[in-house]
Amino acid sequence: MVKVLSYAAHAARLALGFIFLAAGVLKSLDVAEFAHQTAGYGLIGPGLAALAAPLLIGLEGTLAVALIVGWRPRAAAVAIGGLLVLFIALEAWGMAQGRTESCGCFGAYVQRTPAQVILEDTVFLALAVLAWAGLGPWAARRRRLAAGCMAGAAIFSLGFALASPHLPIDTLVTRLRVGRTAEELEIARYLPDRGQGRALVALLDLTSPDAKAASEALNVLHETPGAPAVIALTPSTEQEEAAFMWESYPAFEIHPVDRATLKRLYRRLPLYFLVSNGRVARIFRLARPTAADLLSSEAS
């Protein structure tokens, strides 16, 4: 019976370690969105959430590797169990407040309801309890090797979370790429003639300090003879849109889009892309397009 418990505890240790490792990597793909989801609970502000997000990702990655390689695995199981209790409590509190958005536990691109998250985390908590109850002491030599692995994991997890926004991995993470149709991206209904002409689509966060400057530049493009139609899609709320319209006077159409739908297209905002005859013809990731860029794309 003791042996069976030990085997089960090791299986739980490895399963929980790889689950938390996957969660940390997936959150690292879009740290800014994870910070936004964290701030959405209303318990901390956006500034503190932006600092806490990479630290939490680094902590999760470190604890995950500690479980996998066996560095103080019982202590790691207790720490992860504590995090899971916190996550369950947050989700329950969010549900009580009427929150229906995804928690971001597995990143911005894996959508689940709060009830699903609570069920998952309860199962994970059971794994943590099993790992803590069934694991015995580990050899000192193995602990030293594991400690080195864990230290490396801590540095890598935090480093990757901080570097991720600047890595060129958008095409691997998001659905937006040249050749995709507006129907596939679920934006056709927002485009003139459902995207069958030419349109420059701007994805904008209307609360960003750069949004007003972006609006001024897009107004110029909108008035340029021969340039495509200009529209903006935003994850901002209708109230934020109204405030932006009052301050910036955009000459182009702005459409609020469900954040979960729009999030599949970007990691950072603003982002611009040209749709021609229903398909994405060109993507401008690093800079706002100019009139020359768009006029030279007329044949696309």
C-alpha atoms as a PDB file:
ATOM      1  CA  MET A   1       0.000   0.000   0.000  1.00  0.00           C
ATOM      2  CA  VAL A   2       2.863   2.377   0.835  1.00  0.00           C
ATOM      3  CA  LYS A   3       4.484   1.607  -2.507  1.00  0.00           C
ATOM      4  CA  VAL A   4       1.246   2.251  -4.386  1.00  0.00           C
ATOM      5  CA  LEU A   5       0.862   5.622  -2.613  1.00  0.00           C
ATOM      6  CA  SER A   6       4.442   6.497  -3.496  1.00  0.00           C
ATOM      7  CA  TYR A   7       3.933   5.690  -7.179  1.00  0.00           C
ATOM      8  CA  ALA A   8       0.682   7.677  -7.226  1.00  0.00           C
ATOM      9  CA  ALA A   9       2.401  10.618  -5.531  1.00  0.00           C
ATOM     10  CA  HIS A  10       5.191  10.639  -8.113  1.00  0.00           C
ATOM     11  CA  ALA A  11       2.630  10.527 -10.929  1.00  0.00           C
ATOM     12  CA  ALA A  12       0.772  13.430  -9.314  1.00  0.00           C
ATOM     13  CA  ARG A  13       4.045  15.336  -8.880  1.00  0.00           C
ATOM     14  CA  LEU A  14       4.947  14.993 -12.551  1.00  0.00           C
ATOM     15  CA  ALA A  15       1.431  15.705 -13.805  1.00  0.00           C
ATOM     16  CA  LEU A  16       1.090  18.839 -11.696  1.00  0.00           C
ATOM     17  CA  GLY A  17       4.586  19.983 -12.643  1.00  0.00           C
ATOM     18  CA  PHE A  18       3.933  19.714 -16.374  1.00  0.00           C
ATOM     19  CA  ILE A  19       0.484  21.322 -16.022  1.00  0.00           C
ATOM     20  CA  PHE A  20       1.948  24.360 -14.251  1.00  0.00           C
ATOM     21  CA  LEU A  21       4.862  24.491 -16.683  1.00  0.00           C
ATOM     22  CA  ALA A  22       2.397  24.605 -19.602  1.00  0.00           C
ATOM     23  CA  ALA A  23       0.330  27.261 -17.813  1.00  0.00           C
ATOM     24  CA  GLY A  24       3.404  29.438 -17.293  1.00  0.00           C
ATOM     25  CA  VAL A  25       4.526  29.133 -20.912  1.00  0.00           C
ATOM     26  CA  LEU A  26       1.049  29.892 -22.270  1.00  0.00           C
ATOM     27  CA  LYS A  27       0.690  32.959 -20.043  1.00  0.00           C
ATOM     28  CA  SER A  28       4.143  34.108 -21.162  1.00  0.00           C
ATOM     29  CA  LEU A  29       2.945  34.321 -24.754  1.00  0.00           C
ATOM     30  CA  ASP A  30       0.901  37.402 -23.842  1.00  0.00           C
ATOM     31  CA  VAL A  31       1.916  38.808 -20.467  1.00  0.00           C
ATOM     32  CA  ALA A  32       0.093  42.097 -21.044  1.00  0.00           C
ATOM     33  CA  GLU A  33      -3.237  40.314 -21.507  1.00  0.00           C
ATOM     34  CA  PHE A  34      -2.639  38.219 -18.393  1.00  0.00           C
ATOM     35  CA  ALA A  35      -2.005  41.450 -16.479  1.00  0.00           C
ATOM     36  CA  HIS A  36      -5.250  42.875 -17.896  1.00  0.00           C
ATOM     37  CA  GLN A  37      -7.173  39.771 -16.805  1.00  0.00           C
ATOM     38  CA  THR A  38      -5.616  39.979 -13.348  1.00  0.00           C
ATOM     39  CA  ALA A  39      -6.571  43.638 -12.987  1.00  0.00           C
ATOM     40  CA  GLY A  40     -10.103  42.731 -14.144  1.00  0.00           C
ATOM     41  CA  TYR A  41     -10.858  41.260 -10.712  1.00  0.00           C
ATOM     42  CA  GLY A  42     -10.672  44.804  -9.330  1.00  0.00           C
ATOM     43  CA  LEU A  43      -8.466  43.839  -6.382  1.00  0.00           C
ATOM     44  CA  ILE A  44      -5.296  45.495  -7.727  1.00  0.00           C
ATOM     45  CA  GLY A  45      -4.776  48.275 -10.253  1.00  0.00           C
ATOM     46  CA  PRO A  46      -3.377  47.914 -13.793  1.00  0.00           C
ATOM     47  CA  GLY A  47       0.074  49.165 -12.759  1.00  0.00           C
ATOM     48  CA  LEU A  48       0.483  46.641  -9.968  1.00  0.00           C
ATOM     49  CA  ALA A  49      -0.983  43.897 -12.169  1.00  0.00           C
ATOM     50  CA  ALA A  50       1.643  44.646 -14.834  1.00  0.00           C
ATOM     51  CA  LEU A  51       4.362  44.074 -12.213  1.00  0.00           C
ATOM     52  CA  ALA A  52       2.698  41.031 -10.643  1.00  0.00           C
ATOM     53  CA  ALA A  53       1.986  39.160 -13.893  1.00  0.00           C
ATOM     54  CA  PRO A  54       5.597  38.279 -14.887  1.00  0.00           C
ATOM     55  CA  LEU A  55       6.486  37.545 -11.253  1.00  0.00           C
ATOM     56  CA  LEU A  56       3.601  35.094 -10.928  1.00  0.00           C
ATOM     57  CA  ILE A  57       4.565  33.446 -14.219  1.00  0.00           C
ATOM     58  CA  GLY A  58       8.142  33.107 -12.989  1.00  0.00           C
ATOM     59  CA  LEU A  59       6.946  31.633  -9.693  1.00  0.00           C
ATOM     60  CA  GLU A  60       4.693  29.096 -11.415  1.00  0.00           C
ATOM     61  CA  GLY A  61       7.491  28.020 -13.761  1.00  0.00           C
ATOM     62  CA  THR A  62       9.927  27.644 -10.880  1.00  0.00           C
ATOM     63  CA  LEU A  63       7.545  25.557  -8.775  1.00  0.00           C
ATOM     64  CA  ALA A  64       6.670  23.433 -11.812  1.00  0.00           C
ATOM     65  CA  VAL A  65      10.315  22.574 -12.452  1.00  0.00           C
ATOM     66  CA  ALA A  66      10.852  21.952  -8.726  1.00  0.00           C
ATOM     67  CA  LEU A  67       8.144  19.285  -8.881  1.00  0.00           C
ATOM     68  CA  ILE A  68       9.427  17.759 -12.118  1.00  0.00           C
ATOM     69  CA  VAL A  69      13.076  17.462 -11.073  1.00  0.00           C
ATOM     70  CA  GLY A  70      12.323  16.751  -7.419  1.00  0.00           C
ATOM     71  CA  TRP A  71      13.777  19.754  -5.584  1.00  0.00           C
ATOM     72  CA  ARG A  72      11.936  19.795  -2.243  1.00  0.00           C
ATOM     73  CA  PRO A  73       8.855  18.437  -4.018  1.00  0.00           C
ATOM     74  CA  ARG A  74       6.671  18.327  -0.895  1.00  0.00           C
ATOM     75  CA  ALA A  75       7.334  22.019  -0.226  1.00  0.00           C
ATOM     76  CA  ALA A  76       6.676  22.792  -3.903  1.00  0.00           C
ATOM     77  CA  ALA A  77       3.407  20.847  -3.717  1.00  0.00           C
ATOM     78  CA  VAL A  78       2.365  22.875  -0.662  1.00  0.00           C
ATOM     79  CA  ALA A  79       3.232  26.148  -2.444  1.00  0.00           C
ATOM     80  CA  ILE A  80       1.300  25.163  -5.565  1.00  0.00           C
ATOM     81  CA  GLY A  81      -1.584  24.005  -3.395  1.00  0.00           C
ATOM     82  CA  GLY A  82      -1.634  27.427  -1.769  1.00  0.00           C
ATOM     83  CA  LEU A  83      -1.733  29.109  -5.187  1.00  0.00           C
ATOM     84  CA  LEU A  84      -4.595  26.853  -6.236  1.00  0.00           C
ATOM     85  CA  VAL A  85      -6.606  27.710  -3.128  1.00  0.00           C
ATOM     86  CA  LEU A  86      -6.049  31.385  -3.942  1.00  0.00           C
ATOM     87  CA  PHE A  87      -7.111  30.866  -7.567  1.00  0.00           C
ATOM     88  CA  ILE A  88     -10.260  28.992  -6.540  1.00  0.00           C
ATOM     89  CA  ALA A  89     -11.157  31.723  -4.052  1.00  0.00           C
ATOM     90  CA  LEU A  90     -10.635  34.430  -6.697  1.00  0.00           C
ATOM     91  CA  GLU A  91     -12.792  32.624  -9.233  1.00  0.00           C
ATOM     92  CA  ALA A  92     -15.543  32.041  -6.672  1.00  0.00           C
ATOM     93  CA  TRP A  93     -15.431  35.717  -5.700  1.00  0.00           C
ATOM     94  CA  GLY A  94     -15.526  36.707  -9.388  1.00  0.00           C
ATOM     95  CA  MET A  95     -18.545  34.499 -10.007  1.00  0.00           C
ATOM     96  CA  ALA A  96     -20.309  36.057  -7.034  1.00  0.00           C
ATOM     97  CA  GLN A  97     -19.637  39.486  -8.586  1.00  0.00           C
ATOM     98  CA  GLY A  98     -21.093  38.359 -11.930  1.00  0.00           C
ATOM     99  CA  ARG A  99     -17.758  37.909 -13.683  1.00  0.00           C
ATOM    100  CA  THR A 100     -17.932  35.630 -16.739  1.00  0.00           C
ATOM    101  CA  GLU A 101     -14.559  36.291 -18.390  1.00  0.00           C
ATOM    102  CA  SER A 102     -11.786  33.736 -18.611  1.00  0.00           C
ATOM    103  CA  CYS A 103      -9.246  33.871 -15.784  1.00  0.00           C
ATOM    104  CA  GLY A 104      -6.222  33.584 -18.069  1.00  0.00           C
ATOM    105  CA  CYS A 105      -4.817  30.648 -16.083  1.00  0.00           C
ATOM    106  CA  PHE A 106      -3.676  29.040 -19.328  1.00  0.00           C
ATOM    107  CA  GLY A 107      -3.055  32.257 -21.195  1.00  0.00           C
ATOM    108  CA  ALA A 108      -5.161  34.535 -23.324  1.00  0.00           C
ATOM    109  CA  TYR A 109      -5.816  31.971 -26.038  1.00  0.00           C
ATOM    110  CA  VAL A 110      -7.422  29.224 -23.910  1.00  0.00           C
ATOM    111  CA  GLN A 111     -10.951  30.229 -22.975  1.00  0.00           C
ATOM    112  CA  ARG A 112     -12.875  28.659 -20.090  1.00  0.00           C
ATOM    113  CA  THR A 113     -15.668  29.795 -17.796  1.00  0.00           C
ATOM    114  CA  PRO A 114     -15.043  30.513 -14.094  1.00  0.00           C
ATOM    115  CA  ALA A 115     -16.987  27.343 -13.189  1.00  0.00           C
ATOM    116  CA  GLN A 116     -14.706  25.253 -15.423  1.00  0.00           C
ATOM    117  CA  VAL A 117     -11.652  26.881 -13.849  1.00  0.00           C
ATOM    118  CA  ILE A 118     -12.848  26.087 -10.320  1.00  0.00           C
ATOM    119  CA  LEU A 119     -13.430  22.443 -11.290  1.00  0.00           C
ATOM    120  CA  GLU A 120      -9.990  22.176 -12.918  1.00  0.00           C
ATOM    121  CA  ASP A 121      -8.221  23.817  -9.998  1.00  0.00           C
ATOM    122  CA  THR A 122      -9.979  21.509  -7.542  1.00  0.00           C
ATOM    123  CA  VAL A 123      -8.612  18.506  -9.438  1.00  0.00           C
ATOM    124  CA  PHE A 124      -5.145  20.085  -9.488  1.00  0.00           C
ATOM    125  CA  LEU A 125      -5.414  20.744  -5.748  1.00  0.00           C
ATOM    126  CA  ALA A 126      -6.161  17.060  -5.204  1.00  0.00           C
ATOM    127  CA  LEU A 127      -2.965  16.226  -7.129  1.00  0.00           C
ATOM    128  CA  ALA A 128      -0.998  18.617  -4.916  1.00  0.00           C
ATOM    129  CA  VAL A 129      -2.378  16.976  -1.768  1.00  0.00           C
ATOM    130  CA  LEU A 130      -1.540  13.511  -3.139  1.00  0.00           C
ATOM    131  CA  ALA A 131       2.012  14.601  -4.003  1.00  0.00           C
ATOM    132  CA  TRP A 132       2.538  16.069  -0.540  1.00  0.00           C
ATOM    133  CA  ALA A 133       1.099  13.032   1.258  1.00  0.00           C
ATOM    134  CA  GLY A 134       2.911  10.333  -0.703  1.00  0.00           C
ATOM    135  CA  LEU A 135       6.390  11.695  -1.331  1.00  0.00           C
ATOM    136  CA  GLY A 136       9.259  10.752   0.939  1.00  0.00           C
ATOM    137  CA  PRO A 137      12.744  12.271   1.419  1.00  0.00           C
ATOM    138  CA  TRP A 138      15.073  12.576  -1.574  1.00  0.00           C
ATOM    139  CA  ALA A 139      18.828  11.949  -1.686  1.00  0.00           C
ATOM    140  CA  ALA A 140      21.024  14.945  -0.948  1.00  0.00           C
ATOM    141  CA  ARG A 141      22.973  14.586  -4.213  1.00  0.00           C
ATOM    142  CA  ARG A 142      19.756  14.575  -6.190  1.00  0.00           C
ATOM    143  CA  ARG A 143      18.573  17.624  -4.287  1.00  0.00           C
ATOM    144  CA  ARG A 144      21.694  19.553  -5.257  1.00  0.00           C
ATOM    145  CA  LEU A 145      21.252  18.722  -8.937  1.00  0.00           C
ATOM    146  CA  ALA A 146      17.564  19.563  -8.745  1.00  0.00           C
ATOM    147  CA  ALA A 147      18.343  22.862  -7.020  1.00  0.00           C
ATOM    148  CA  GLY A 148      20.525  23.878  -9.965  1.00  0.00           C
ATOM    149  CA  CYS A 149      17.767  23.006 -12.410  1.00  0.00           C
ATOM    150  CA  MET A 150      15.239  24.958 -10.387  1.00  0.00           C
ATOM    151  CA  ALA A 151      17.452  28.044 -10.212  1.00  0.00           C
ATOM    152  CA  GLY A 152      17.867  27.926 -13.985  1.00  0.00           C
ATOM    153  CA  ALA A 153      14.121  27.539 -14.388  1.00  0.00           C
ATOM    154  CA  ALA A 154      13.469  30.586 -12.206  1.00  0.00           C
ATOM    155  CA  ILE A 155      15.773  32.745 -14.317  1.00  0.00           C
ATOM    156  CA  PHE A 156      14.422  31.403 -17.601  1.00  0.00           C
ATOM    157  CA  SER A 157      10.733  31.676 -16.611  1.00  0.00           C
ATOM    158  CA  LEU A 158      11.003  35.292 -15.516  1.00  0.00           C
ATOM    159  CA  GLY A 159      13.286  36.192 -18.434  1.00  0.00           C
ATOM    160  CA  PHE A 160      10.958  34.657 -21.007  1.00  0.00           C
ATOM    161  CA  ALA A 161       7.929  36.400 -19.501  1.00  0.00           C
ATOM    162  CA  LEU A 162       9.703  39.771 -19.697  1.00  0.00           C
ATOM    163  CA  ALA A 163      11.108  39.193 -23.201  1.00  0.00           C
ATOM    164  CA  SER A 164       7.983  37.632 -24.710  1.00  0.00           C
ATOM    165  CA  PRO A 165       6.279  40.877 -25.861  1.00  0.00           C
ATOM    166  CA  HIS A 166       9.313  41.655 -28.017  1.00  0.00           C
ATOM    167  CA  LEU A 167       9.747  38.191 -29.572  1.00  0.00           C
ATOM    168  CA  PRO A 168       8.589  37.684 -33.207  1.00  0.00           C
ATOM    169  CA  ILE A 169       6.152  34.875 -32.431  1.00  0.00           C
ATOM    170  CA  ASP A 170       2.854  36.529 -33.369  1.00  0.00           C
ATOM    171  CA  THR A 171       2.234  34.226 -36.345  1.00  0.00           C
ATOM    172  CA  LEU A 172       2.731  31.206 -34.089  1.00  0.00           C
ATOM    173  CA  VAL A 173       0.371  32.460 -31.393  1.00  0.00           C
ATOM    174  CA  THR A 174      -2.386  34.430 -33.146  1.00  0.00           C
ATOM    175  CA  ARG A 175      -4.728  33.615 -36.026  1.00  0.00           C
ATOM    176  CA  LEU A 176      -3.838  36.735 -38.015  1.00  0.00           C
ATOM    177  CA  ARG A 177      -1.650  36.018 -41.043  1.00  0.00           C
ATOM    178  CA  VAL A 178      -1.529  36.940 -44.720  1.00  0.00           C
ATOM    179  CA  GLY A 179      -4.033  34.939 -46.750  1.00  0.00           C
ATOM    180  CA  ARG A 180      -6.581  34.412 -43.981  1.00  0.00           C
ATOM    181  CA  THR A 181     -10.123  35.438 -44.863  1.00  0.00           C
ATOM    182  CA  ALA A 182     -12.153  37.984 -42.964  1.00  0.00           C
ATOM    183  CA  GLU A 183     -14.721  35.251 -42.342  1.00  0.00           C
ATOM    184  CA  GLU A 184     -12.082  33.012 -40.731  1.00  0.00           C
ATOM    185  CA  LEU A 185     -11.010  35.887 -38.485  1.00  0.00           C
ATOM    186  CA  GLU A 186     -14.672  36.590 -37.577  1.00  0.00           C
ATOM    187  CA  ILE A 187     -14.471  40.259 -38.599  1.00  0.00           C
ATOM    188  CA  ALA A 188     -16.228  40.259 -41.993  1.00  0.00           C
ATOM    189  CA  ARG A 189     -19.406  41.833 -40.630  1.00  0.00           C
ATOM    190  CA  TYR A 190     -17.470  44.915 -39.505  1.00  0.00           C
ATOM    191  CA  LEU A 191     -15.906  45.581 -42.932  1.00  0.00           C
ATOM    192  CA  PRO A 192     -17.380  47.601 -45.810  1.00  0.00           C
ATOM    193  CA  ASP A 193     -19.026  45.158 -48.260  1.00  0.00           C
ATOM    194  CA  ARG A 194     -17.969  42.396 -45.831  1.00  0.00           C
ATOM    195  CA  GLY A 195     -14.359  42.930 -46.880  1.00  0.00           C
ATOM    196  CA  GLN A 196     -14.819  42.410 -50.600  1.00  0.00           C
ATOM    197  CA  GLY A 197     -13.185  45.754 -51.379  1.00  0.00           C
ATOM    198  CA  ARG A 198     -10.037  47.134 -49.764  1.00  0.00           C
ATOM    199  CA  ALA A 199      -9.956  48.191 -46.129  1.00  0.00           C
ATOM    200  CA  LEU A 200      -7.288  49.073 -43.622  1.00  0.00           C
ATOM    201  CA  VAL A 201      -8.190  47.519 -40.278  1.00  0.00           C
ATOM    202  CA  ALA A 202      -6.706  49.125 -37.172  1.00  0.00           C
ATOM    203  CA  LEU A 203      -6.823  47.199 -33.899  1.00  0.00           C
ATOM    204  CA  LEU A 204      -6.723  49.870 -31.207  1.00  0.00           C
ATOM    205  CA  ASP A 205      -6.879  50.109 -27.435  1.00  0.00           C
ATOM    206  CA  LEU A 206      -8.854  53.337 -27.051  1.00  0.00           C
ATOM    207  CA  THR A 207      -7.555  53.837 -23.511  1.00  0.00           C
ATOM    208  CA  SER A 208      -3.910  53.841 -24.639  1.00  0.00           C
ATOM    209  CA  PRO A 209      -2.012  57.156 -24.537  1.00  0.00           C
ATOM    210  CA  ASP A 210      -1.053  56.541 -28.183  1.00  0.00           C
ATOM    211  CA  ALA A 211      -4.645  56.117 -29.393  1.00  0.00           C
ATOM    212  CA  LYS A 212      -5.223  59.829 -30.099  1.00  0.00           C
ATOM    213  CA  ALA A 213      -2.092  60.087 -32.260  1.00  0.00           C
ATOM    214  CA  ALA A 214      -3.133  56.906 -34.072  1.00  0.00           C
ATOM    215  CA  SER A 215      -6.570  58.415 -34.700  1.00  0.00           C
ATOM    216  CA  GLU A 216      -5.091  61.579 -36.179  1.00  0.00           C
ATOM    217  CA  ALA A 217      -2.911  59.562 -38.569  1.00  0.00           C
ATOM    218  CA  LEU A 218      -5.827  57.326 -39.537  1.00  0.00           C
ATOM    219  CA  ASN A 219      -7.964  60.405 -40.234  1.00  0.00           C
ATOM    220  CA  VAL A 220      -5.346  61.521 -42.748  1.00  0.00           C
ATOM    221  CA  LEU A 221      -5.330  58.091 -44.396  1.00  0.00           C
ATOM    222  CA  HIS A 222      -9.117  58.080 -44.461  1.00  0.00           C
ATOM    223  CA  GLU A 223      -9.111  61.332 -46.445  1.00  0.00           C
ATOM    224  CA  THR A 224      -6.320  60.309 -48.849  1.00  0.00           C
ATOM    225  CA  PRO A 225      -7.622  59.817 -52.420  1.00  0.00           C
ATOM    226  CA  GLY A 226      -7.161  56.234 -53.594  1.00  0.00           C
ATOM    227  CA  ALA A 227      -6.449  54.860 -50.118  1.00  0.00           C
ATOM    228  CA  PRO A 228      -8.588  52.003 -48.816  1.00  0.00           C
ATOM    229  CA  ALA A 229     -11.417  52.500 -46.373  1.00  0.00           C
ATOM    230  CA  VAL A 230     -10.305  52.749 -42.743  1.00  0.00           C
ATOM    231  CA  ILE A 231     -12.038  51.062 -39.821  1.00  0.00           C
ATOM    232  CA  ALA A 232     -10.955  50.409 -36.256  1.00  0.00           C
ATOM    233  CA  LEU A 233     -11.781  47.395 -34.131  1.00  0.00           C
ATOM    234  CA  THR A 234     -11.280  47.678 -30.396  1.00  0.00           C
ATOM    235  CA  PRO A 235     -11.581  45.519 -27.284  1.00  0.00           C
ATOM    236  CA  SER A 236     -12.448  48.684 -25.345  1.00  0.00           C
ATOM    237  CA  THR A 237     -15.924  49.083 -23.871  1.00  0.00           C
ATOM    238  CA  GLU A 238     -18.688  51.235 -25.322  1.00  0.00           C
ATOM    239  CA  GLN A 239     -18.135  53.747 -22.517  1.00  0.00           C
ATOM    240  CA  GLU A 240     -14.426  53.939 -23.373  1.00  0.00           C
ATOM    241  CA  GLU A 241     -15.359  54.343 -27.039  1.00  0.00           C
ATOM    242  CA  ALA A 242     -17.696  57.225 -26.207  1.00  0.00           C
ATOM    243  CA  ALA A 243     -14.963  59.008 -24.228  1.00  0.00           C
ATOM    244  CA  PHE A 244     -12.502  58.483 -27.078  1.00  0.00           C
ATOM    245  CA  MET A 245     -14.955  59.832 -29.683  1.00  0.00           C
ATOM    246  CA  TRP A 246     -15.460  62.950 -27.560  1.00  0.00           C
ATOM    247  CA  GLU A 247     -11.715  63.615 -27.270  1.00  0.00           C
ATOM    248  CA  SER A 248     -10.305  62.470 -30.630  1.00  0.00           C
ATOM    249  CA  TYR A 249     -13.007  63.027 -33.294  1.00  0.00           C
ATOM    250  CA  PRO A 250     -12.148  60.037 -35.508  1.00  0.00           C
ATOM    251  CA  ALA A 251     -13.393  60.317 -39.107  1.00  0.00           C
ATOM    252  CA  PHE A 252     -13.476  56.545 -39.533  1.00  0.00           C
ATOM    253  CA  GLU A 253     -15.767  53.890 -38.094  1.00  0.00           C
ATOM    254  CA  ILE A 254     -14.938  52.260 -34.760  1.00  0.00           C
ATOM    255  CA  HIS A 255     -16.478  48.937 -33.738  1.00  0.00           C
ATOM    256  CA  PRO A 256     -16.179  47.487 -30.215  1.00  0.00           C
ATOM    257  CA  VAL A 257     -15.573  43.732 -30.556  1.00  0.00           C
ATOM    258  CA  ASP A 258     -15.793  41.053 -27.906  1.00  0.00           C
ATOM    259  CA  ARG A 259     -12.345  40.918 -26.340  1.00  0.00           C
ATOM    260  CA  ALA A 260     -12.107  37.125 -26.524  1.00  0.00           C
ATOM    261  CA  THR A 261     -12.803  37.219 -30.272  1.00  0.00           C
ATOM    262  CA  LEU A 262     -10.417  40.066 -31.035  1.00  0.00           C
ATOM    263  CA  LYS A 263      -7.670  38.717 -28.770  1.00  0.00           C
ATOM    264  CA  ARG A 264      -7.091  35.832 -31.176  1.00  0.00           C
ATOM    265  CA  LEU A 265      -5.689  38.361 -33.676  1.00  0.00           C
ATOM    266  CA  TYR A 266      -3.050  40.223 -31.684  1.00  0.00           C
ATOM    267  CA  ARG A 267      -0.537  40.179 -28.862  1.00  0.00           C
ATOM    268  CA  ARG A 268       0.237  43.915 -28.822  1.00  0.00           C
ATOM    269  CA  LEU A 269      -1.746  46.979 -29.830  1.00  0.00           C
ATOM    270  CA  PRO A 270      -1.967  48.954 -32.002  1.00  0.00           C
ATOM    271  CA  LEU A 271      -1.864  46.603 -34.978  1.00  0.00           C
ATOM    272  CA  TYR A 272      -2.814  47.303 -38.593  1.00  0.00           C
ATOM    273  CA  PHE A 273      -3.594  45.052 -41.537  1.00  0.00           C
ATOM    274  CA  LEU A 274      -4.938  45.464 -45.051  1.00  0.00           C
ATOM    275  CA  VAL A 275      -7.883  43.371 -46.231  1.00  0.00           C
ATOM    276  CA  SER A 276      -8.331  43.030 -49.982  1.00  0.00           C
ATOM    277  CA  ASN A 277     -11.122  41.051 -51.605  1.00  0.00           C
ATOM    278  CA  GLY A 278     -11.962  39.341 -48.341  1.00  0.00           C
ATOM    279  CA  ARG A 279      -8.410  38.253 -47.448  1.00  0.00           C
ATOM    280  CA  VAL A 280      -5.588  39.700 -45.387  1.00  0.00           C
ATOM    281  CA  ALA A 281      -3.140  41.096 -47.926  1.00  0.00           C
ATOM    282  CA  ARG A 282      -0.560  42.766 -45.694  1.00  0.00           C
ATOM    283  CA  ILE A 283       0.142  43.139 -41.966  1.00  0.00           C
ATOM    284  CA  PHE A 284       1.856  46.152 -40.387  1.00  0.00           C
ATOM    285  CA  ARG A 285       3.164  44.972 -37.015  1.00  0.00           C
ATOM    286  CA  LEU A 286       6.022  47.314 -36.233  1.00  0.00           C
ATOM    287  CA  ALA A 287       4.781  50.667 -37.520  1.00  0.00           C
ATOM    288  CA  ARG A 288       1.634  52.474 -38.569  1.00  0.00           C
ATOM    289  CA  PRO A 289       1.161  52.257 -42.372  1.00  0.00           C
ATOM    290  CA  THR A 290       1.582  55.383 -44.472  1.00  0.00           C
ATOM    291  CA  ALA A 291      -0.422  56.444 -47.499  1.00  0.00           C
ATOM    292  CA  ALA A 292       2.505  55.323 -49.679  1.00  0.00           C
ATOM    293  CA  ASP A 293       2.376  51.855 -48.110  1.00  0.00           C
ATOM    294  CA  LEU A 294      -1.309  51.503 -48.858  1.00  0.00           C
ATOM    295  CA  LEU A 295      -1.229  52.946 -52.357  1.00  0.00           C
ATOM    296  CA  SER A 296       1.677  50.628 -53.258  1.00  0.00           C
ATOM    297  CA  SER A 297      -0.456  47.723 -51.967  1.00  0.00           C
ATOM    298  CA  GLU A 298      -3.313  48.498 -54.361  1.00  0.00           C
ATOM    299  CA  ALA A 299      -2.536  45.524 -56.496  1.00  0.00           C
ATOM    300  CA  SER A 300      -2.481  43.144 -53.515  1.00  0.00           C
END
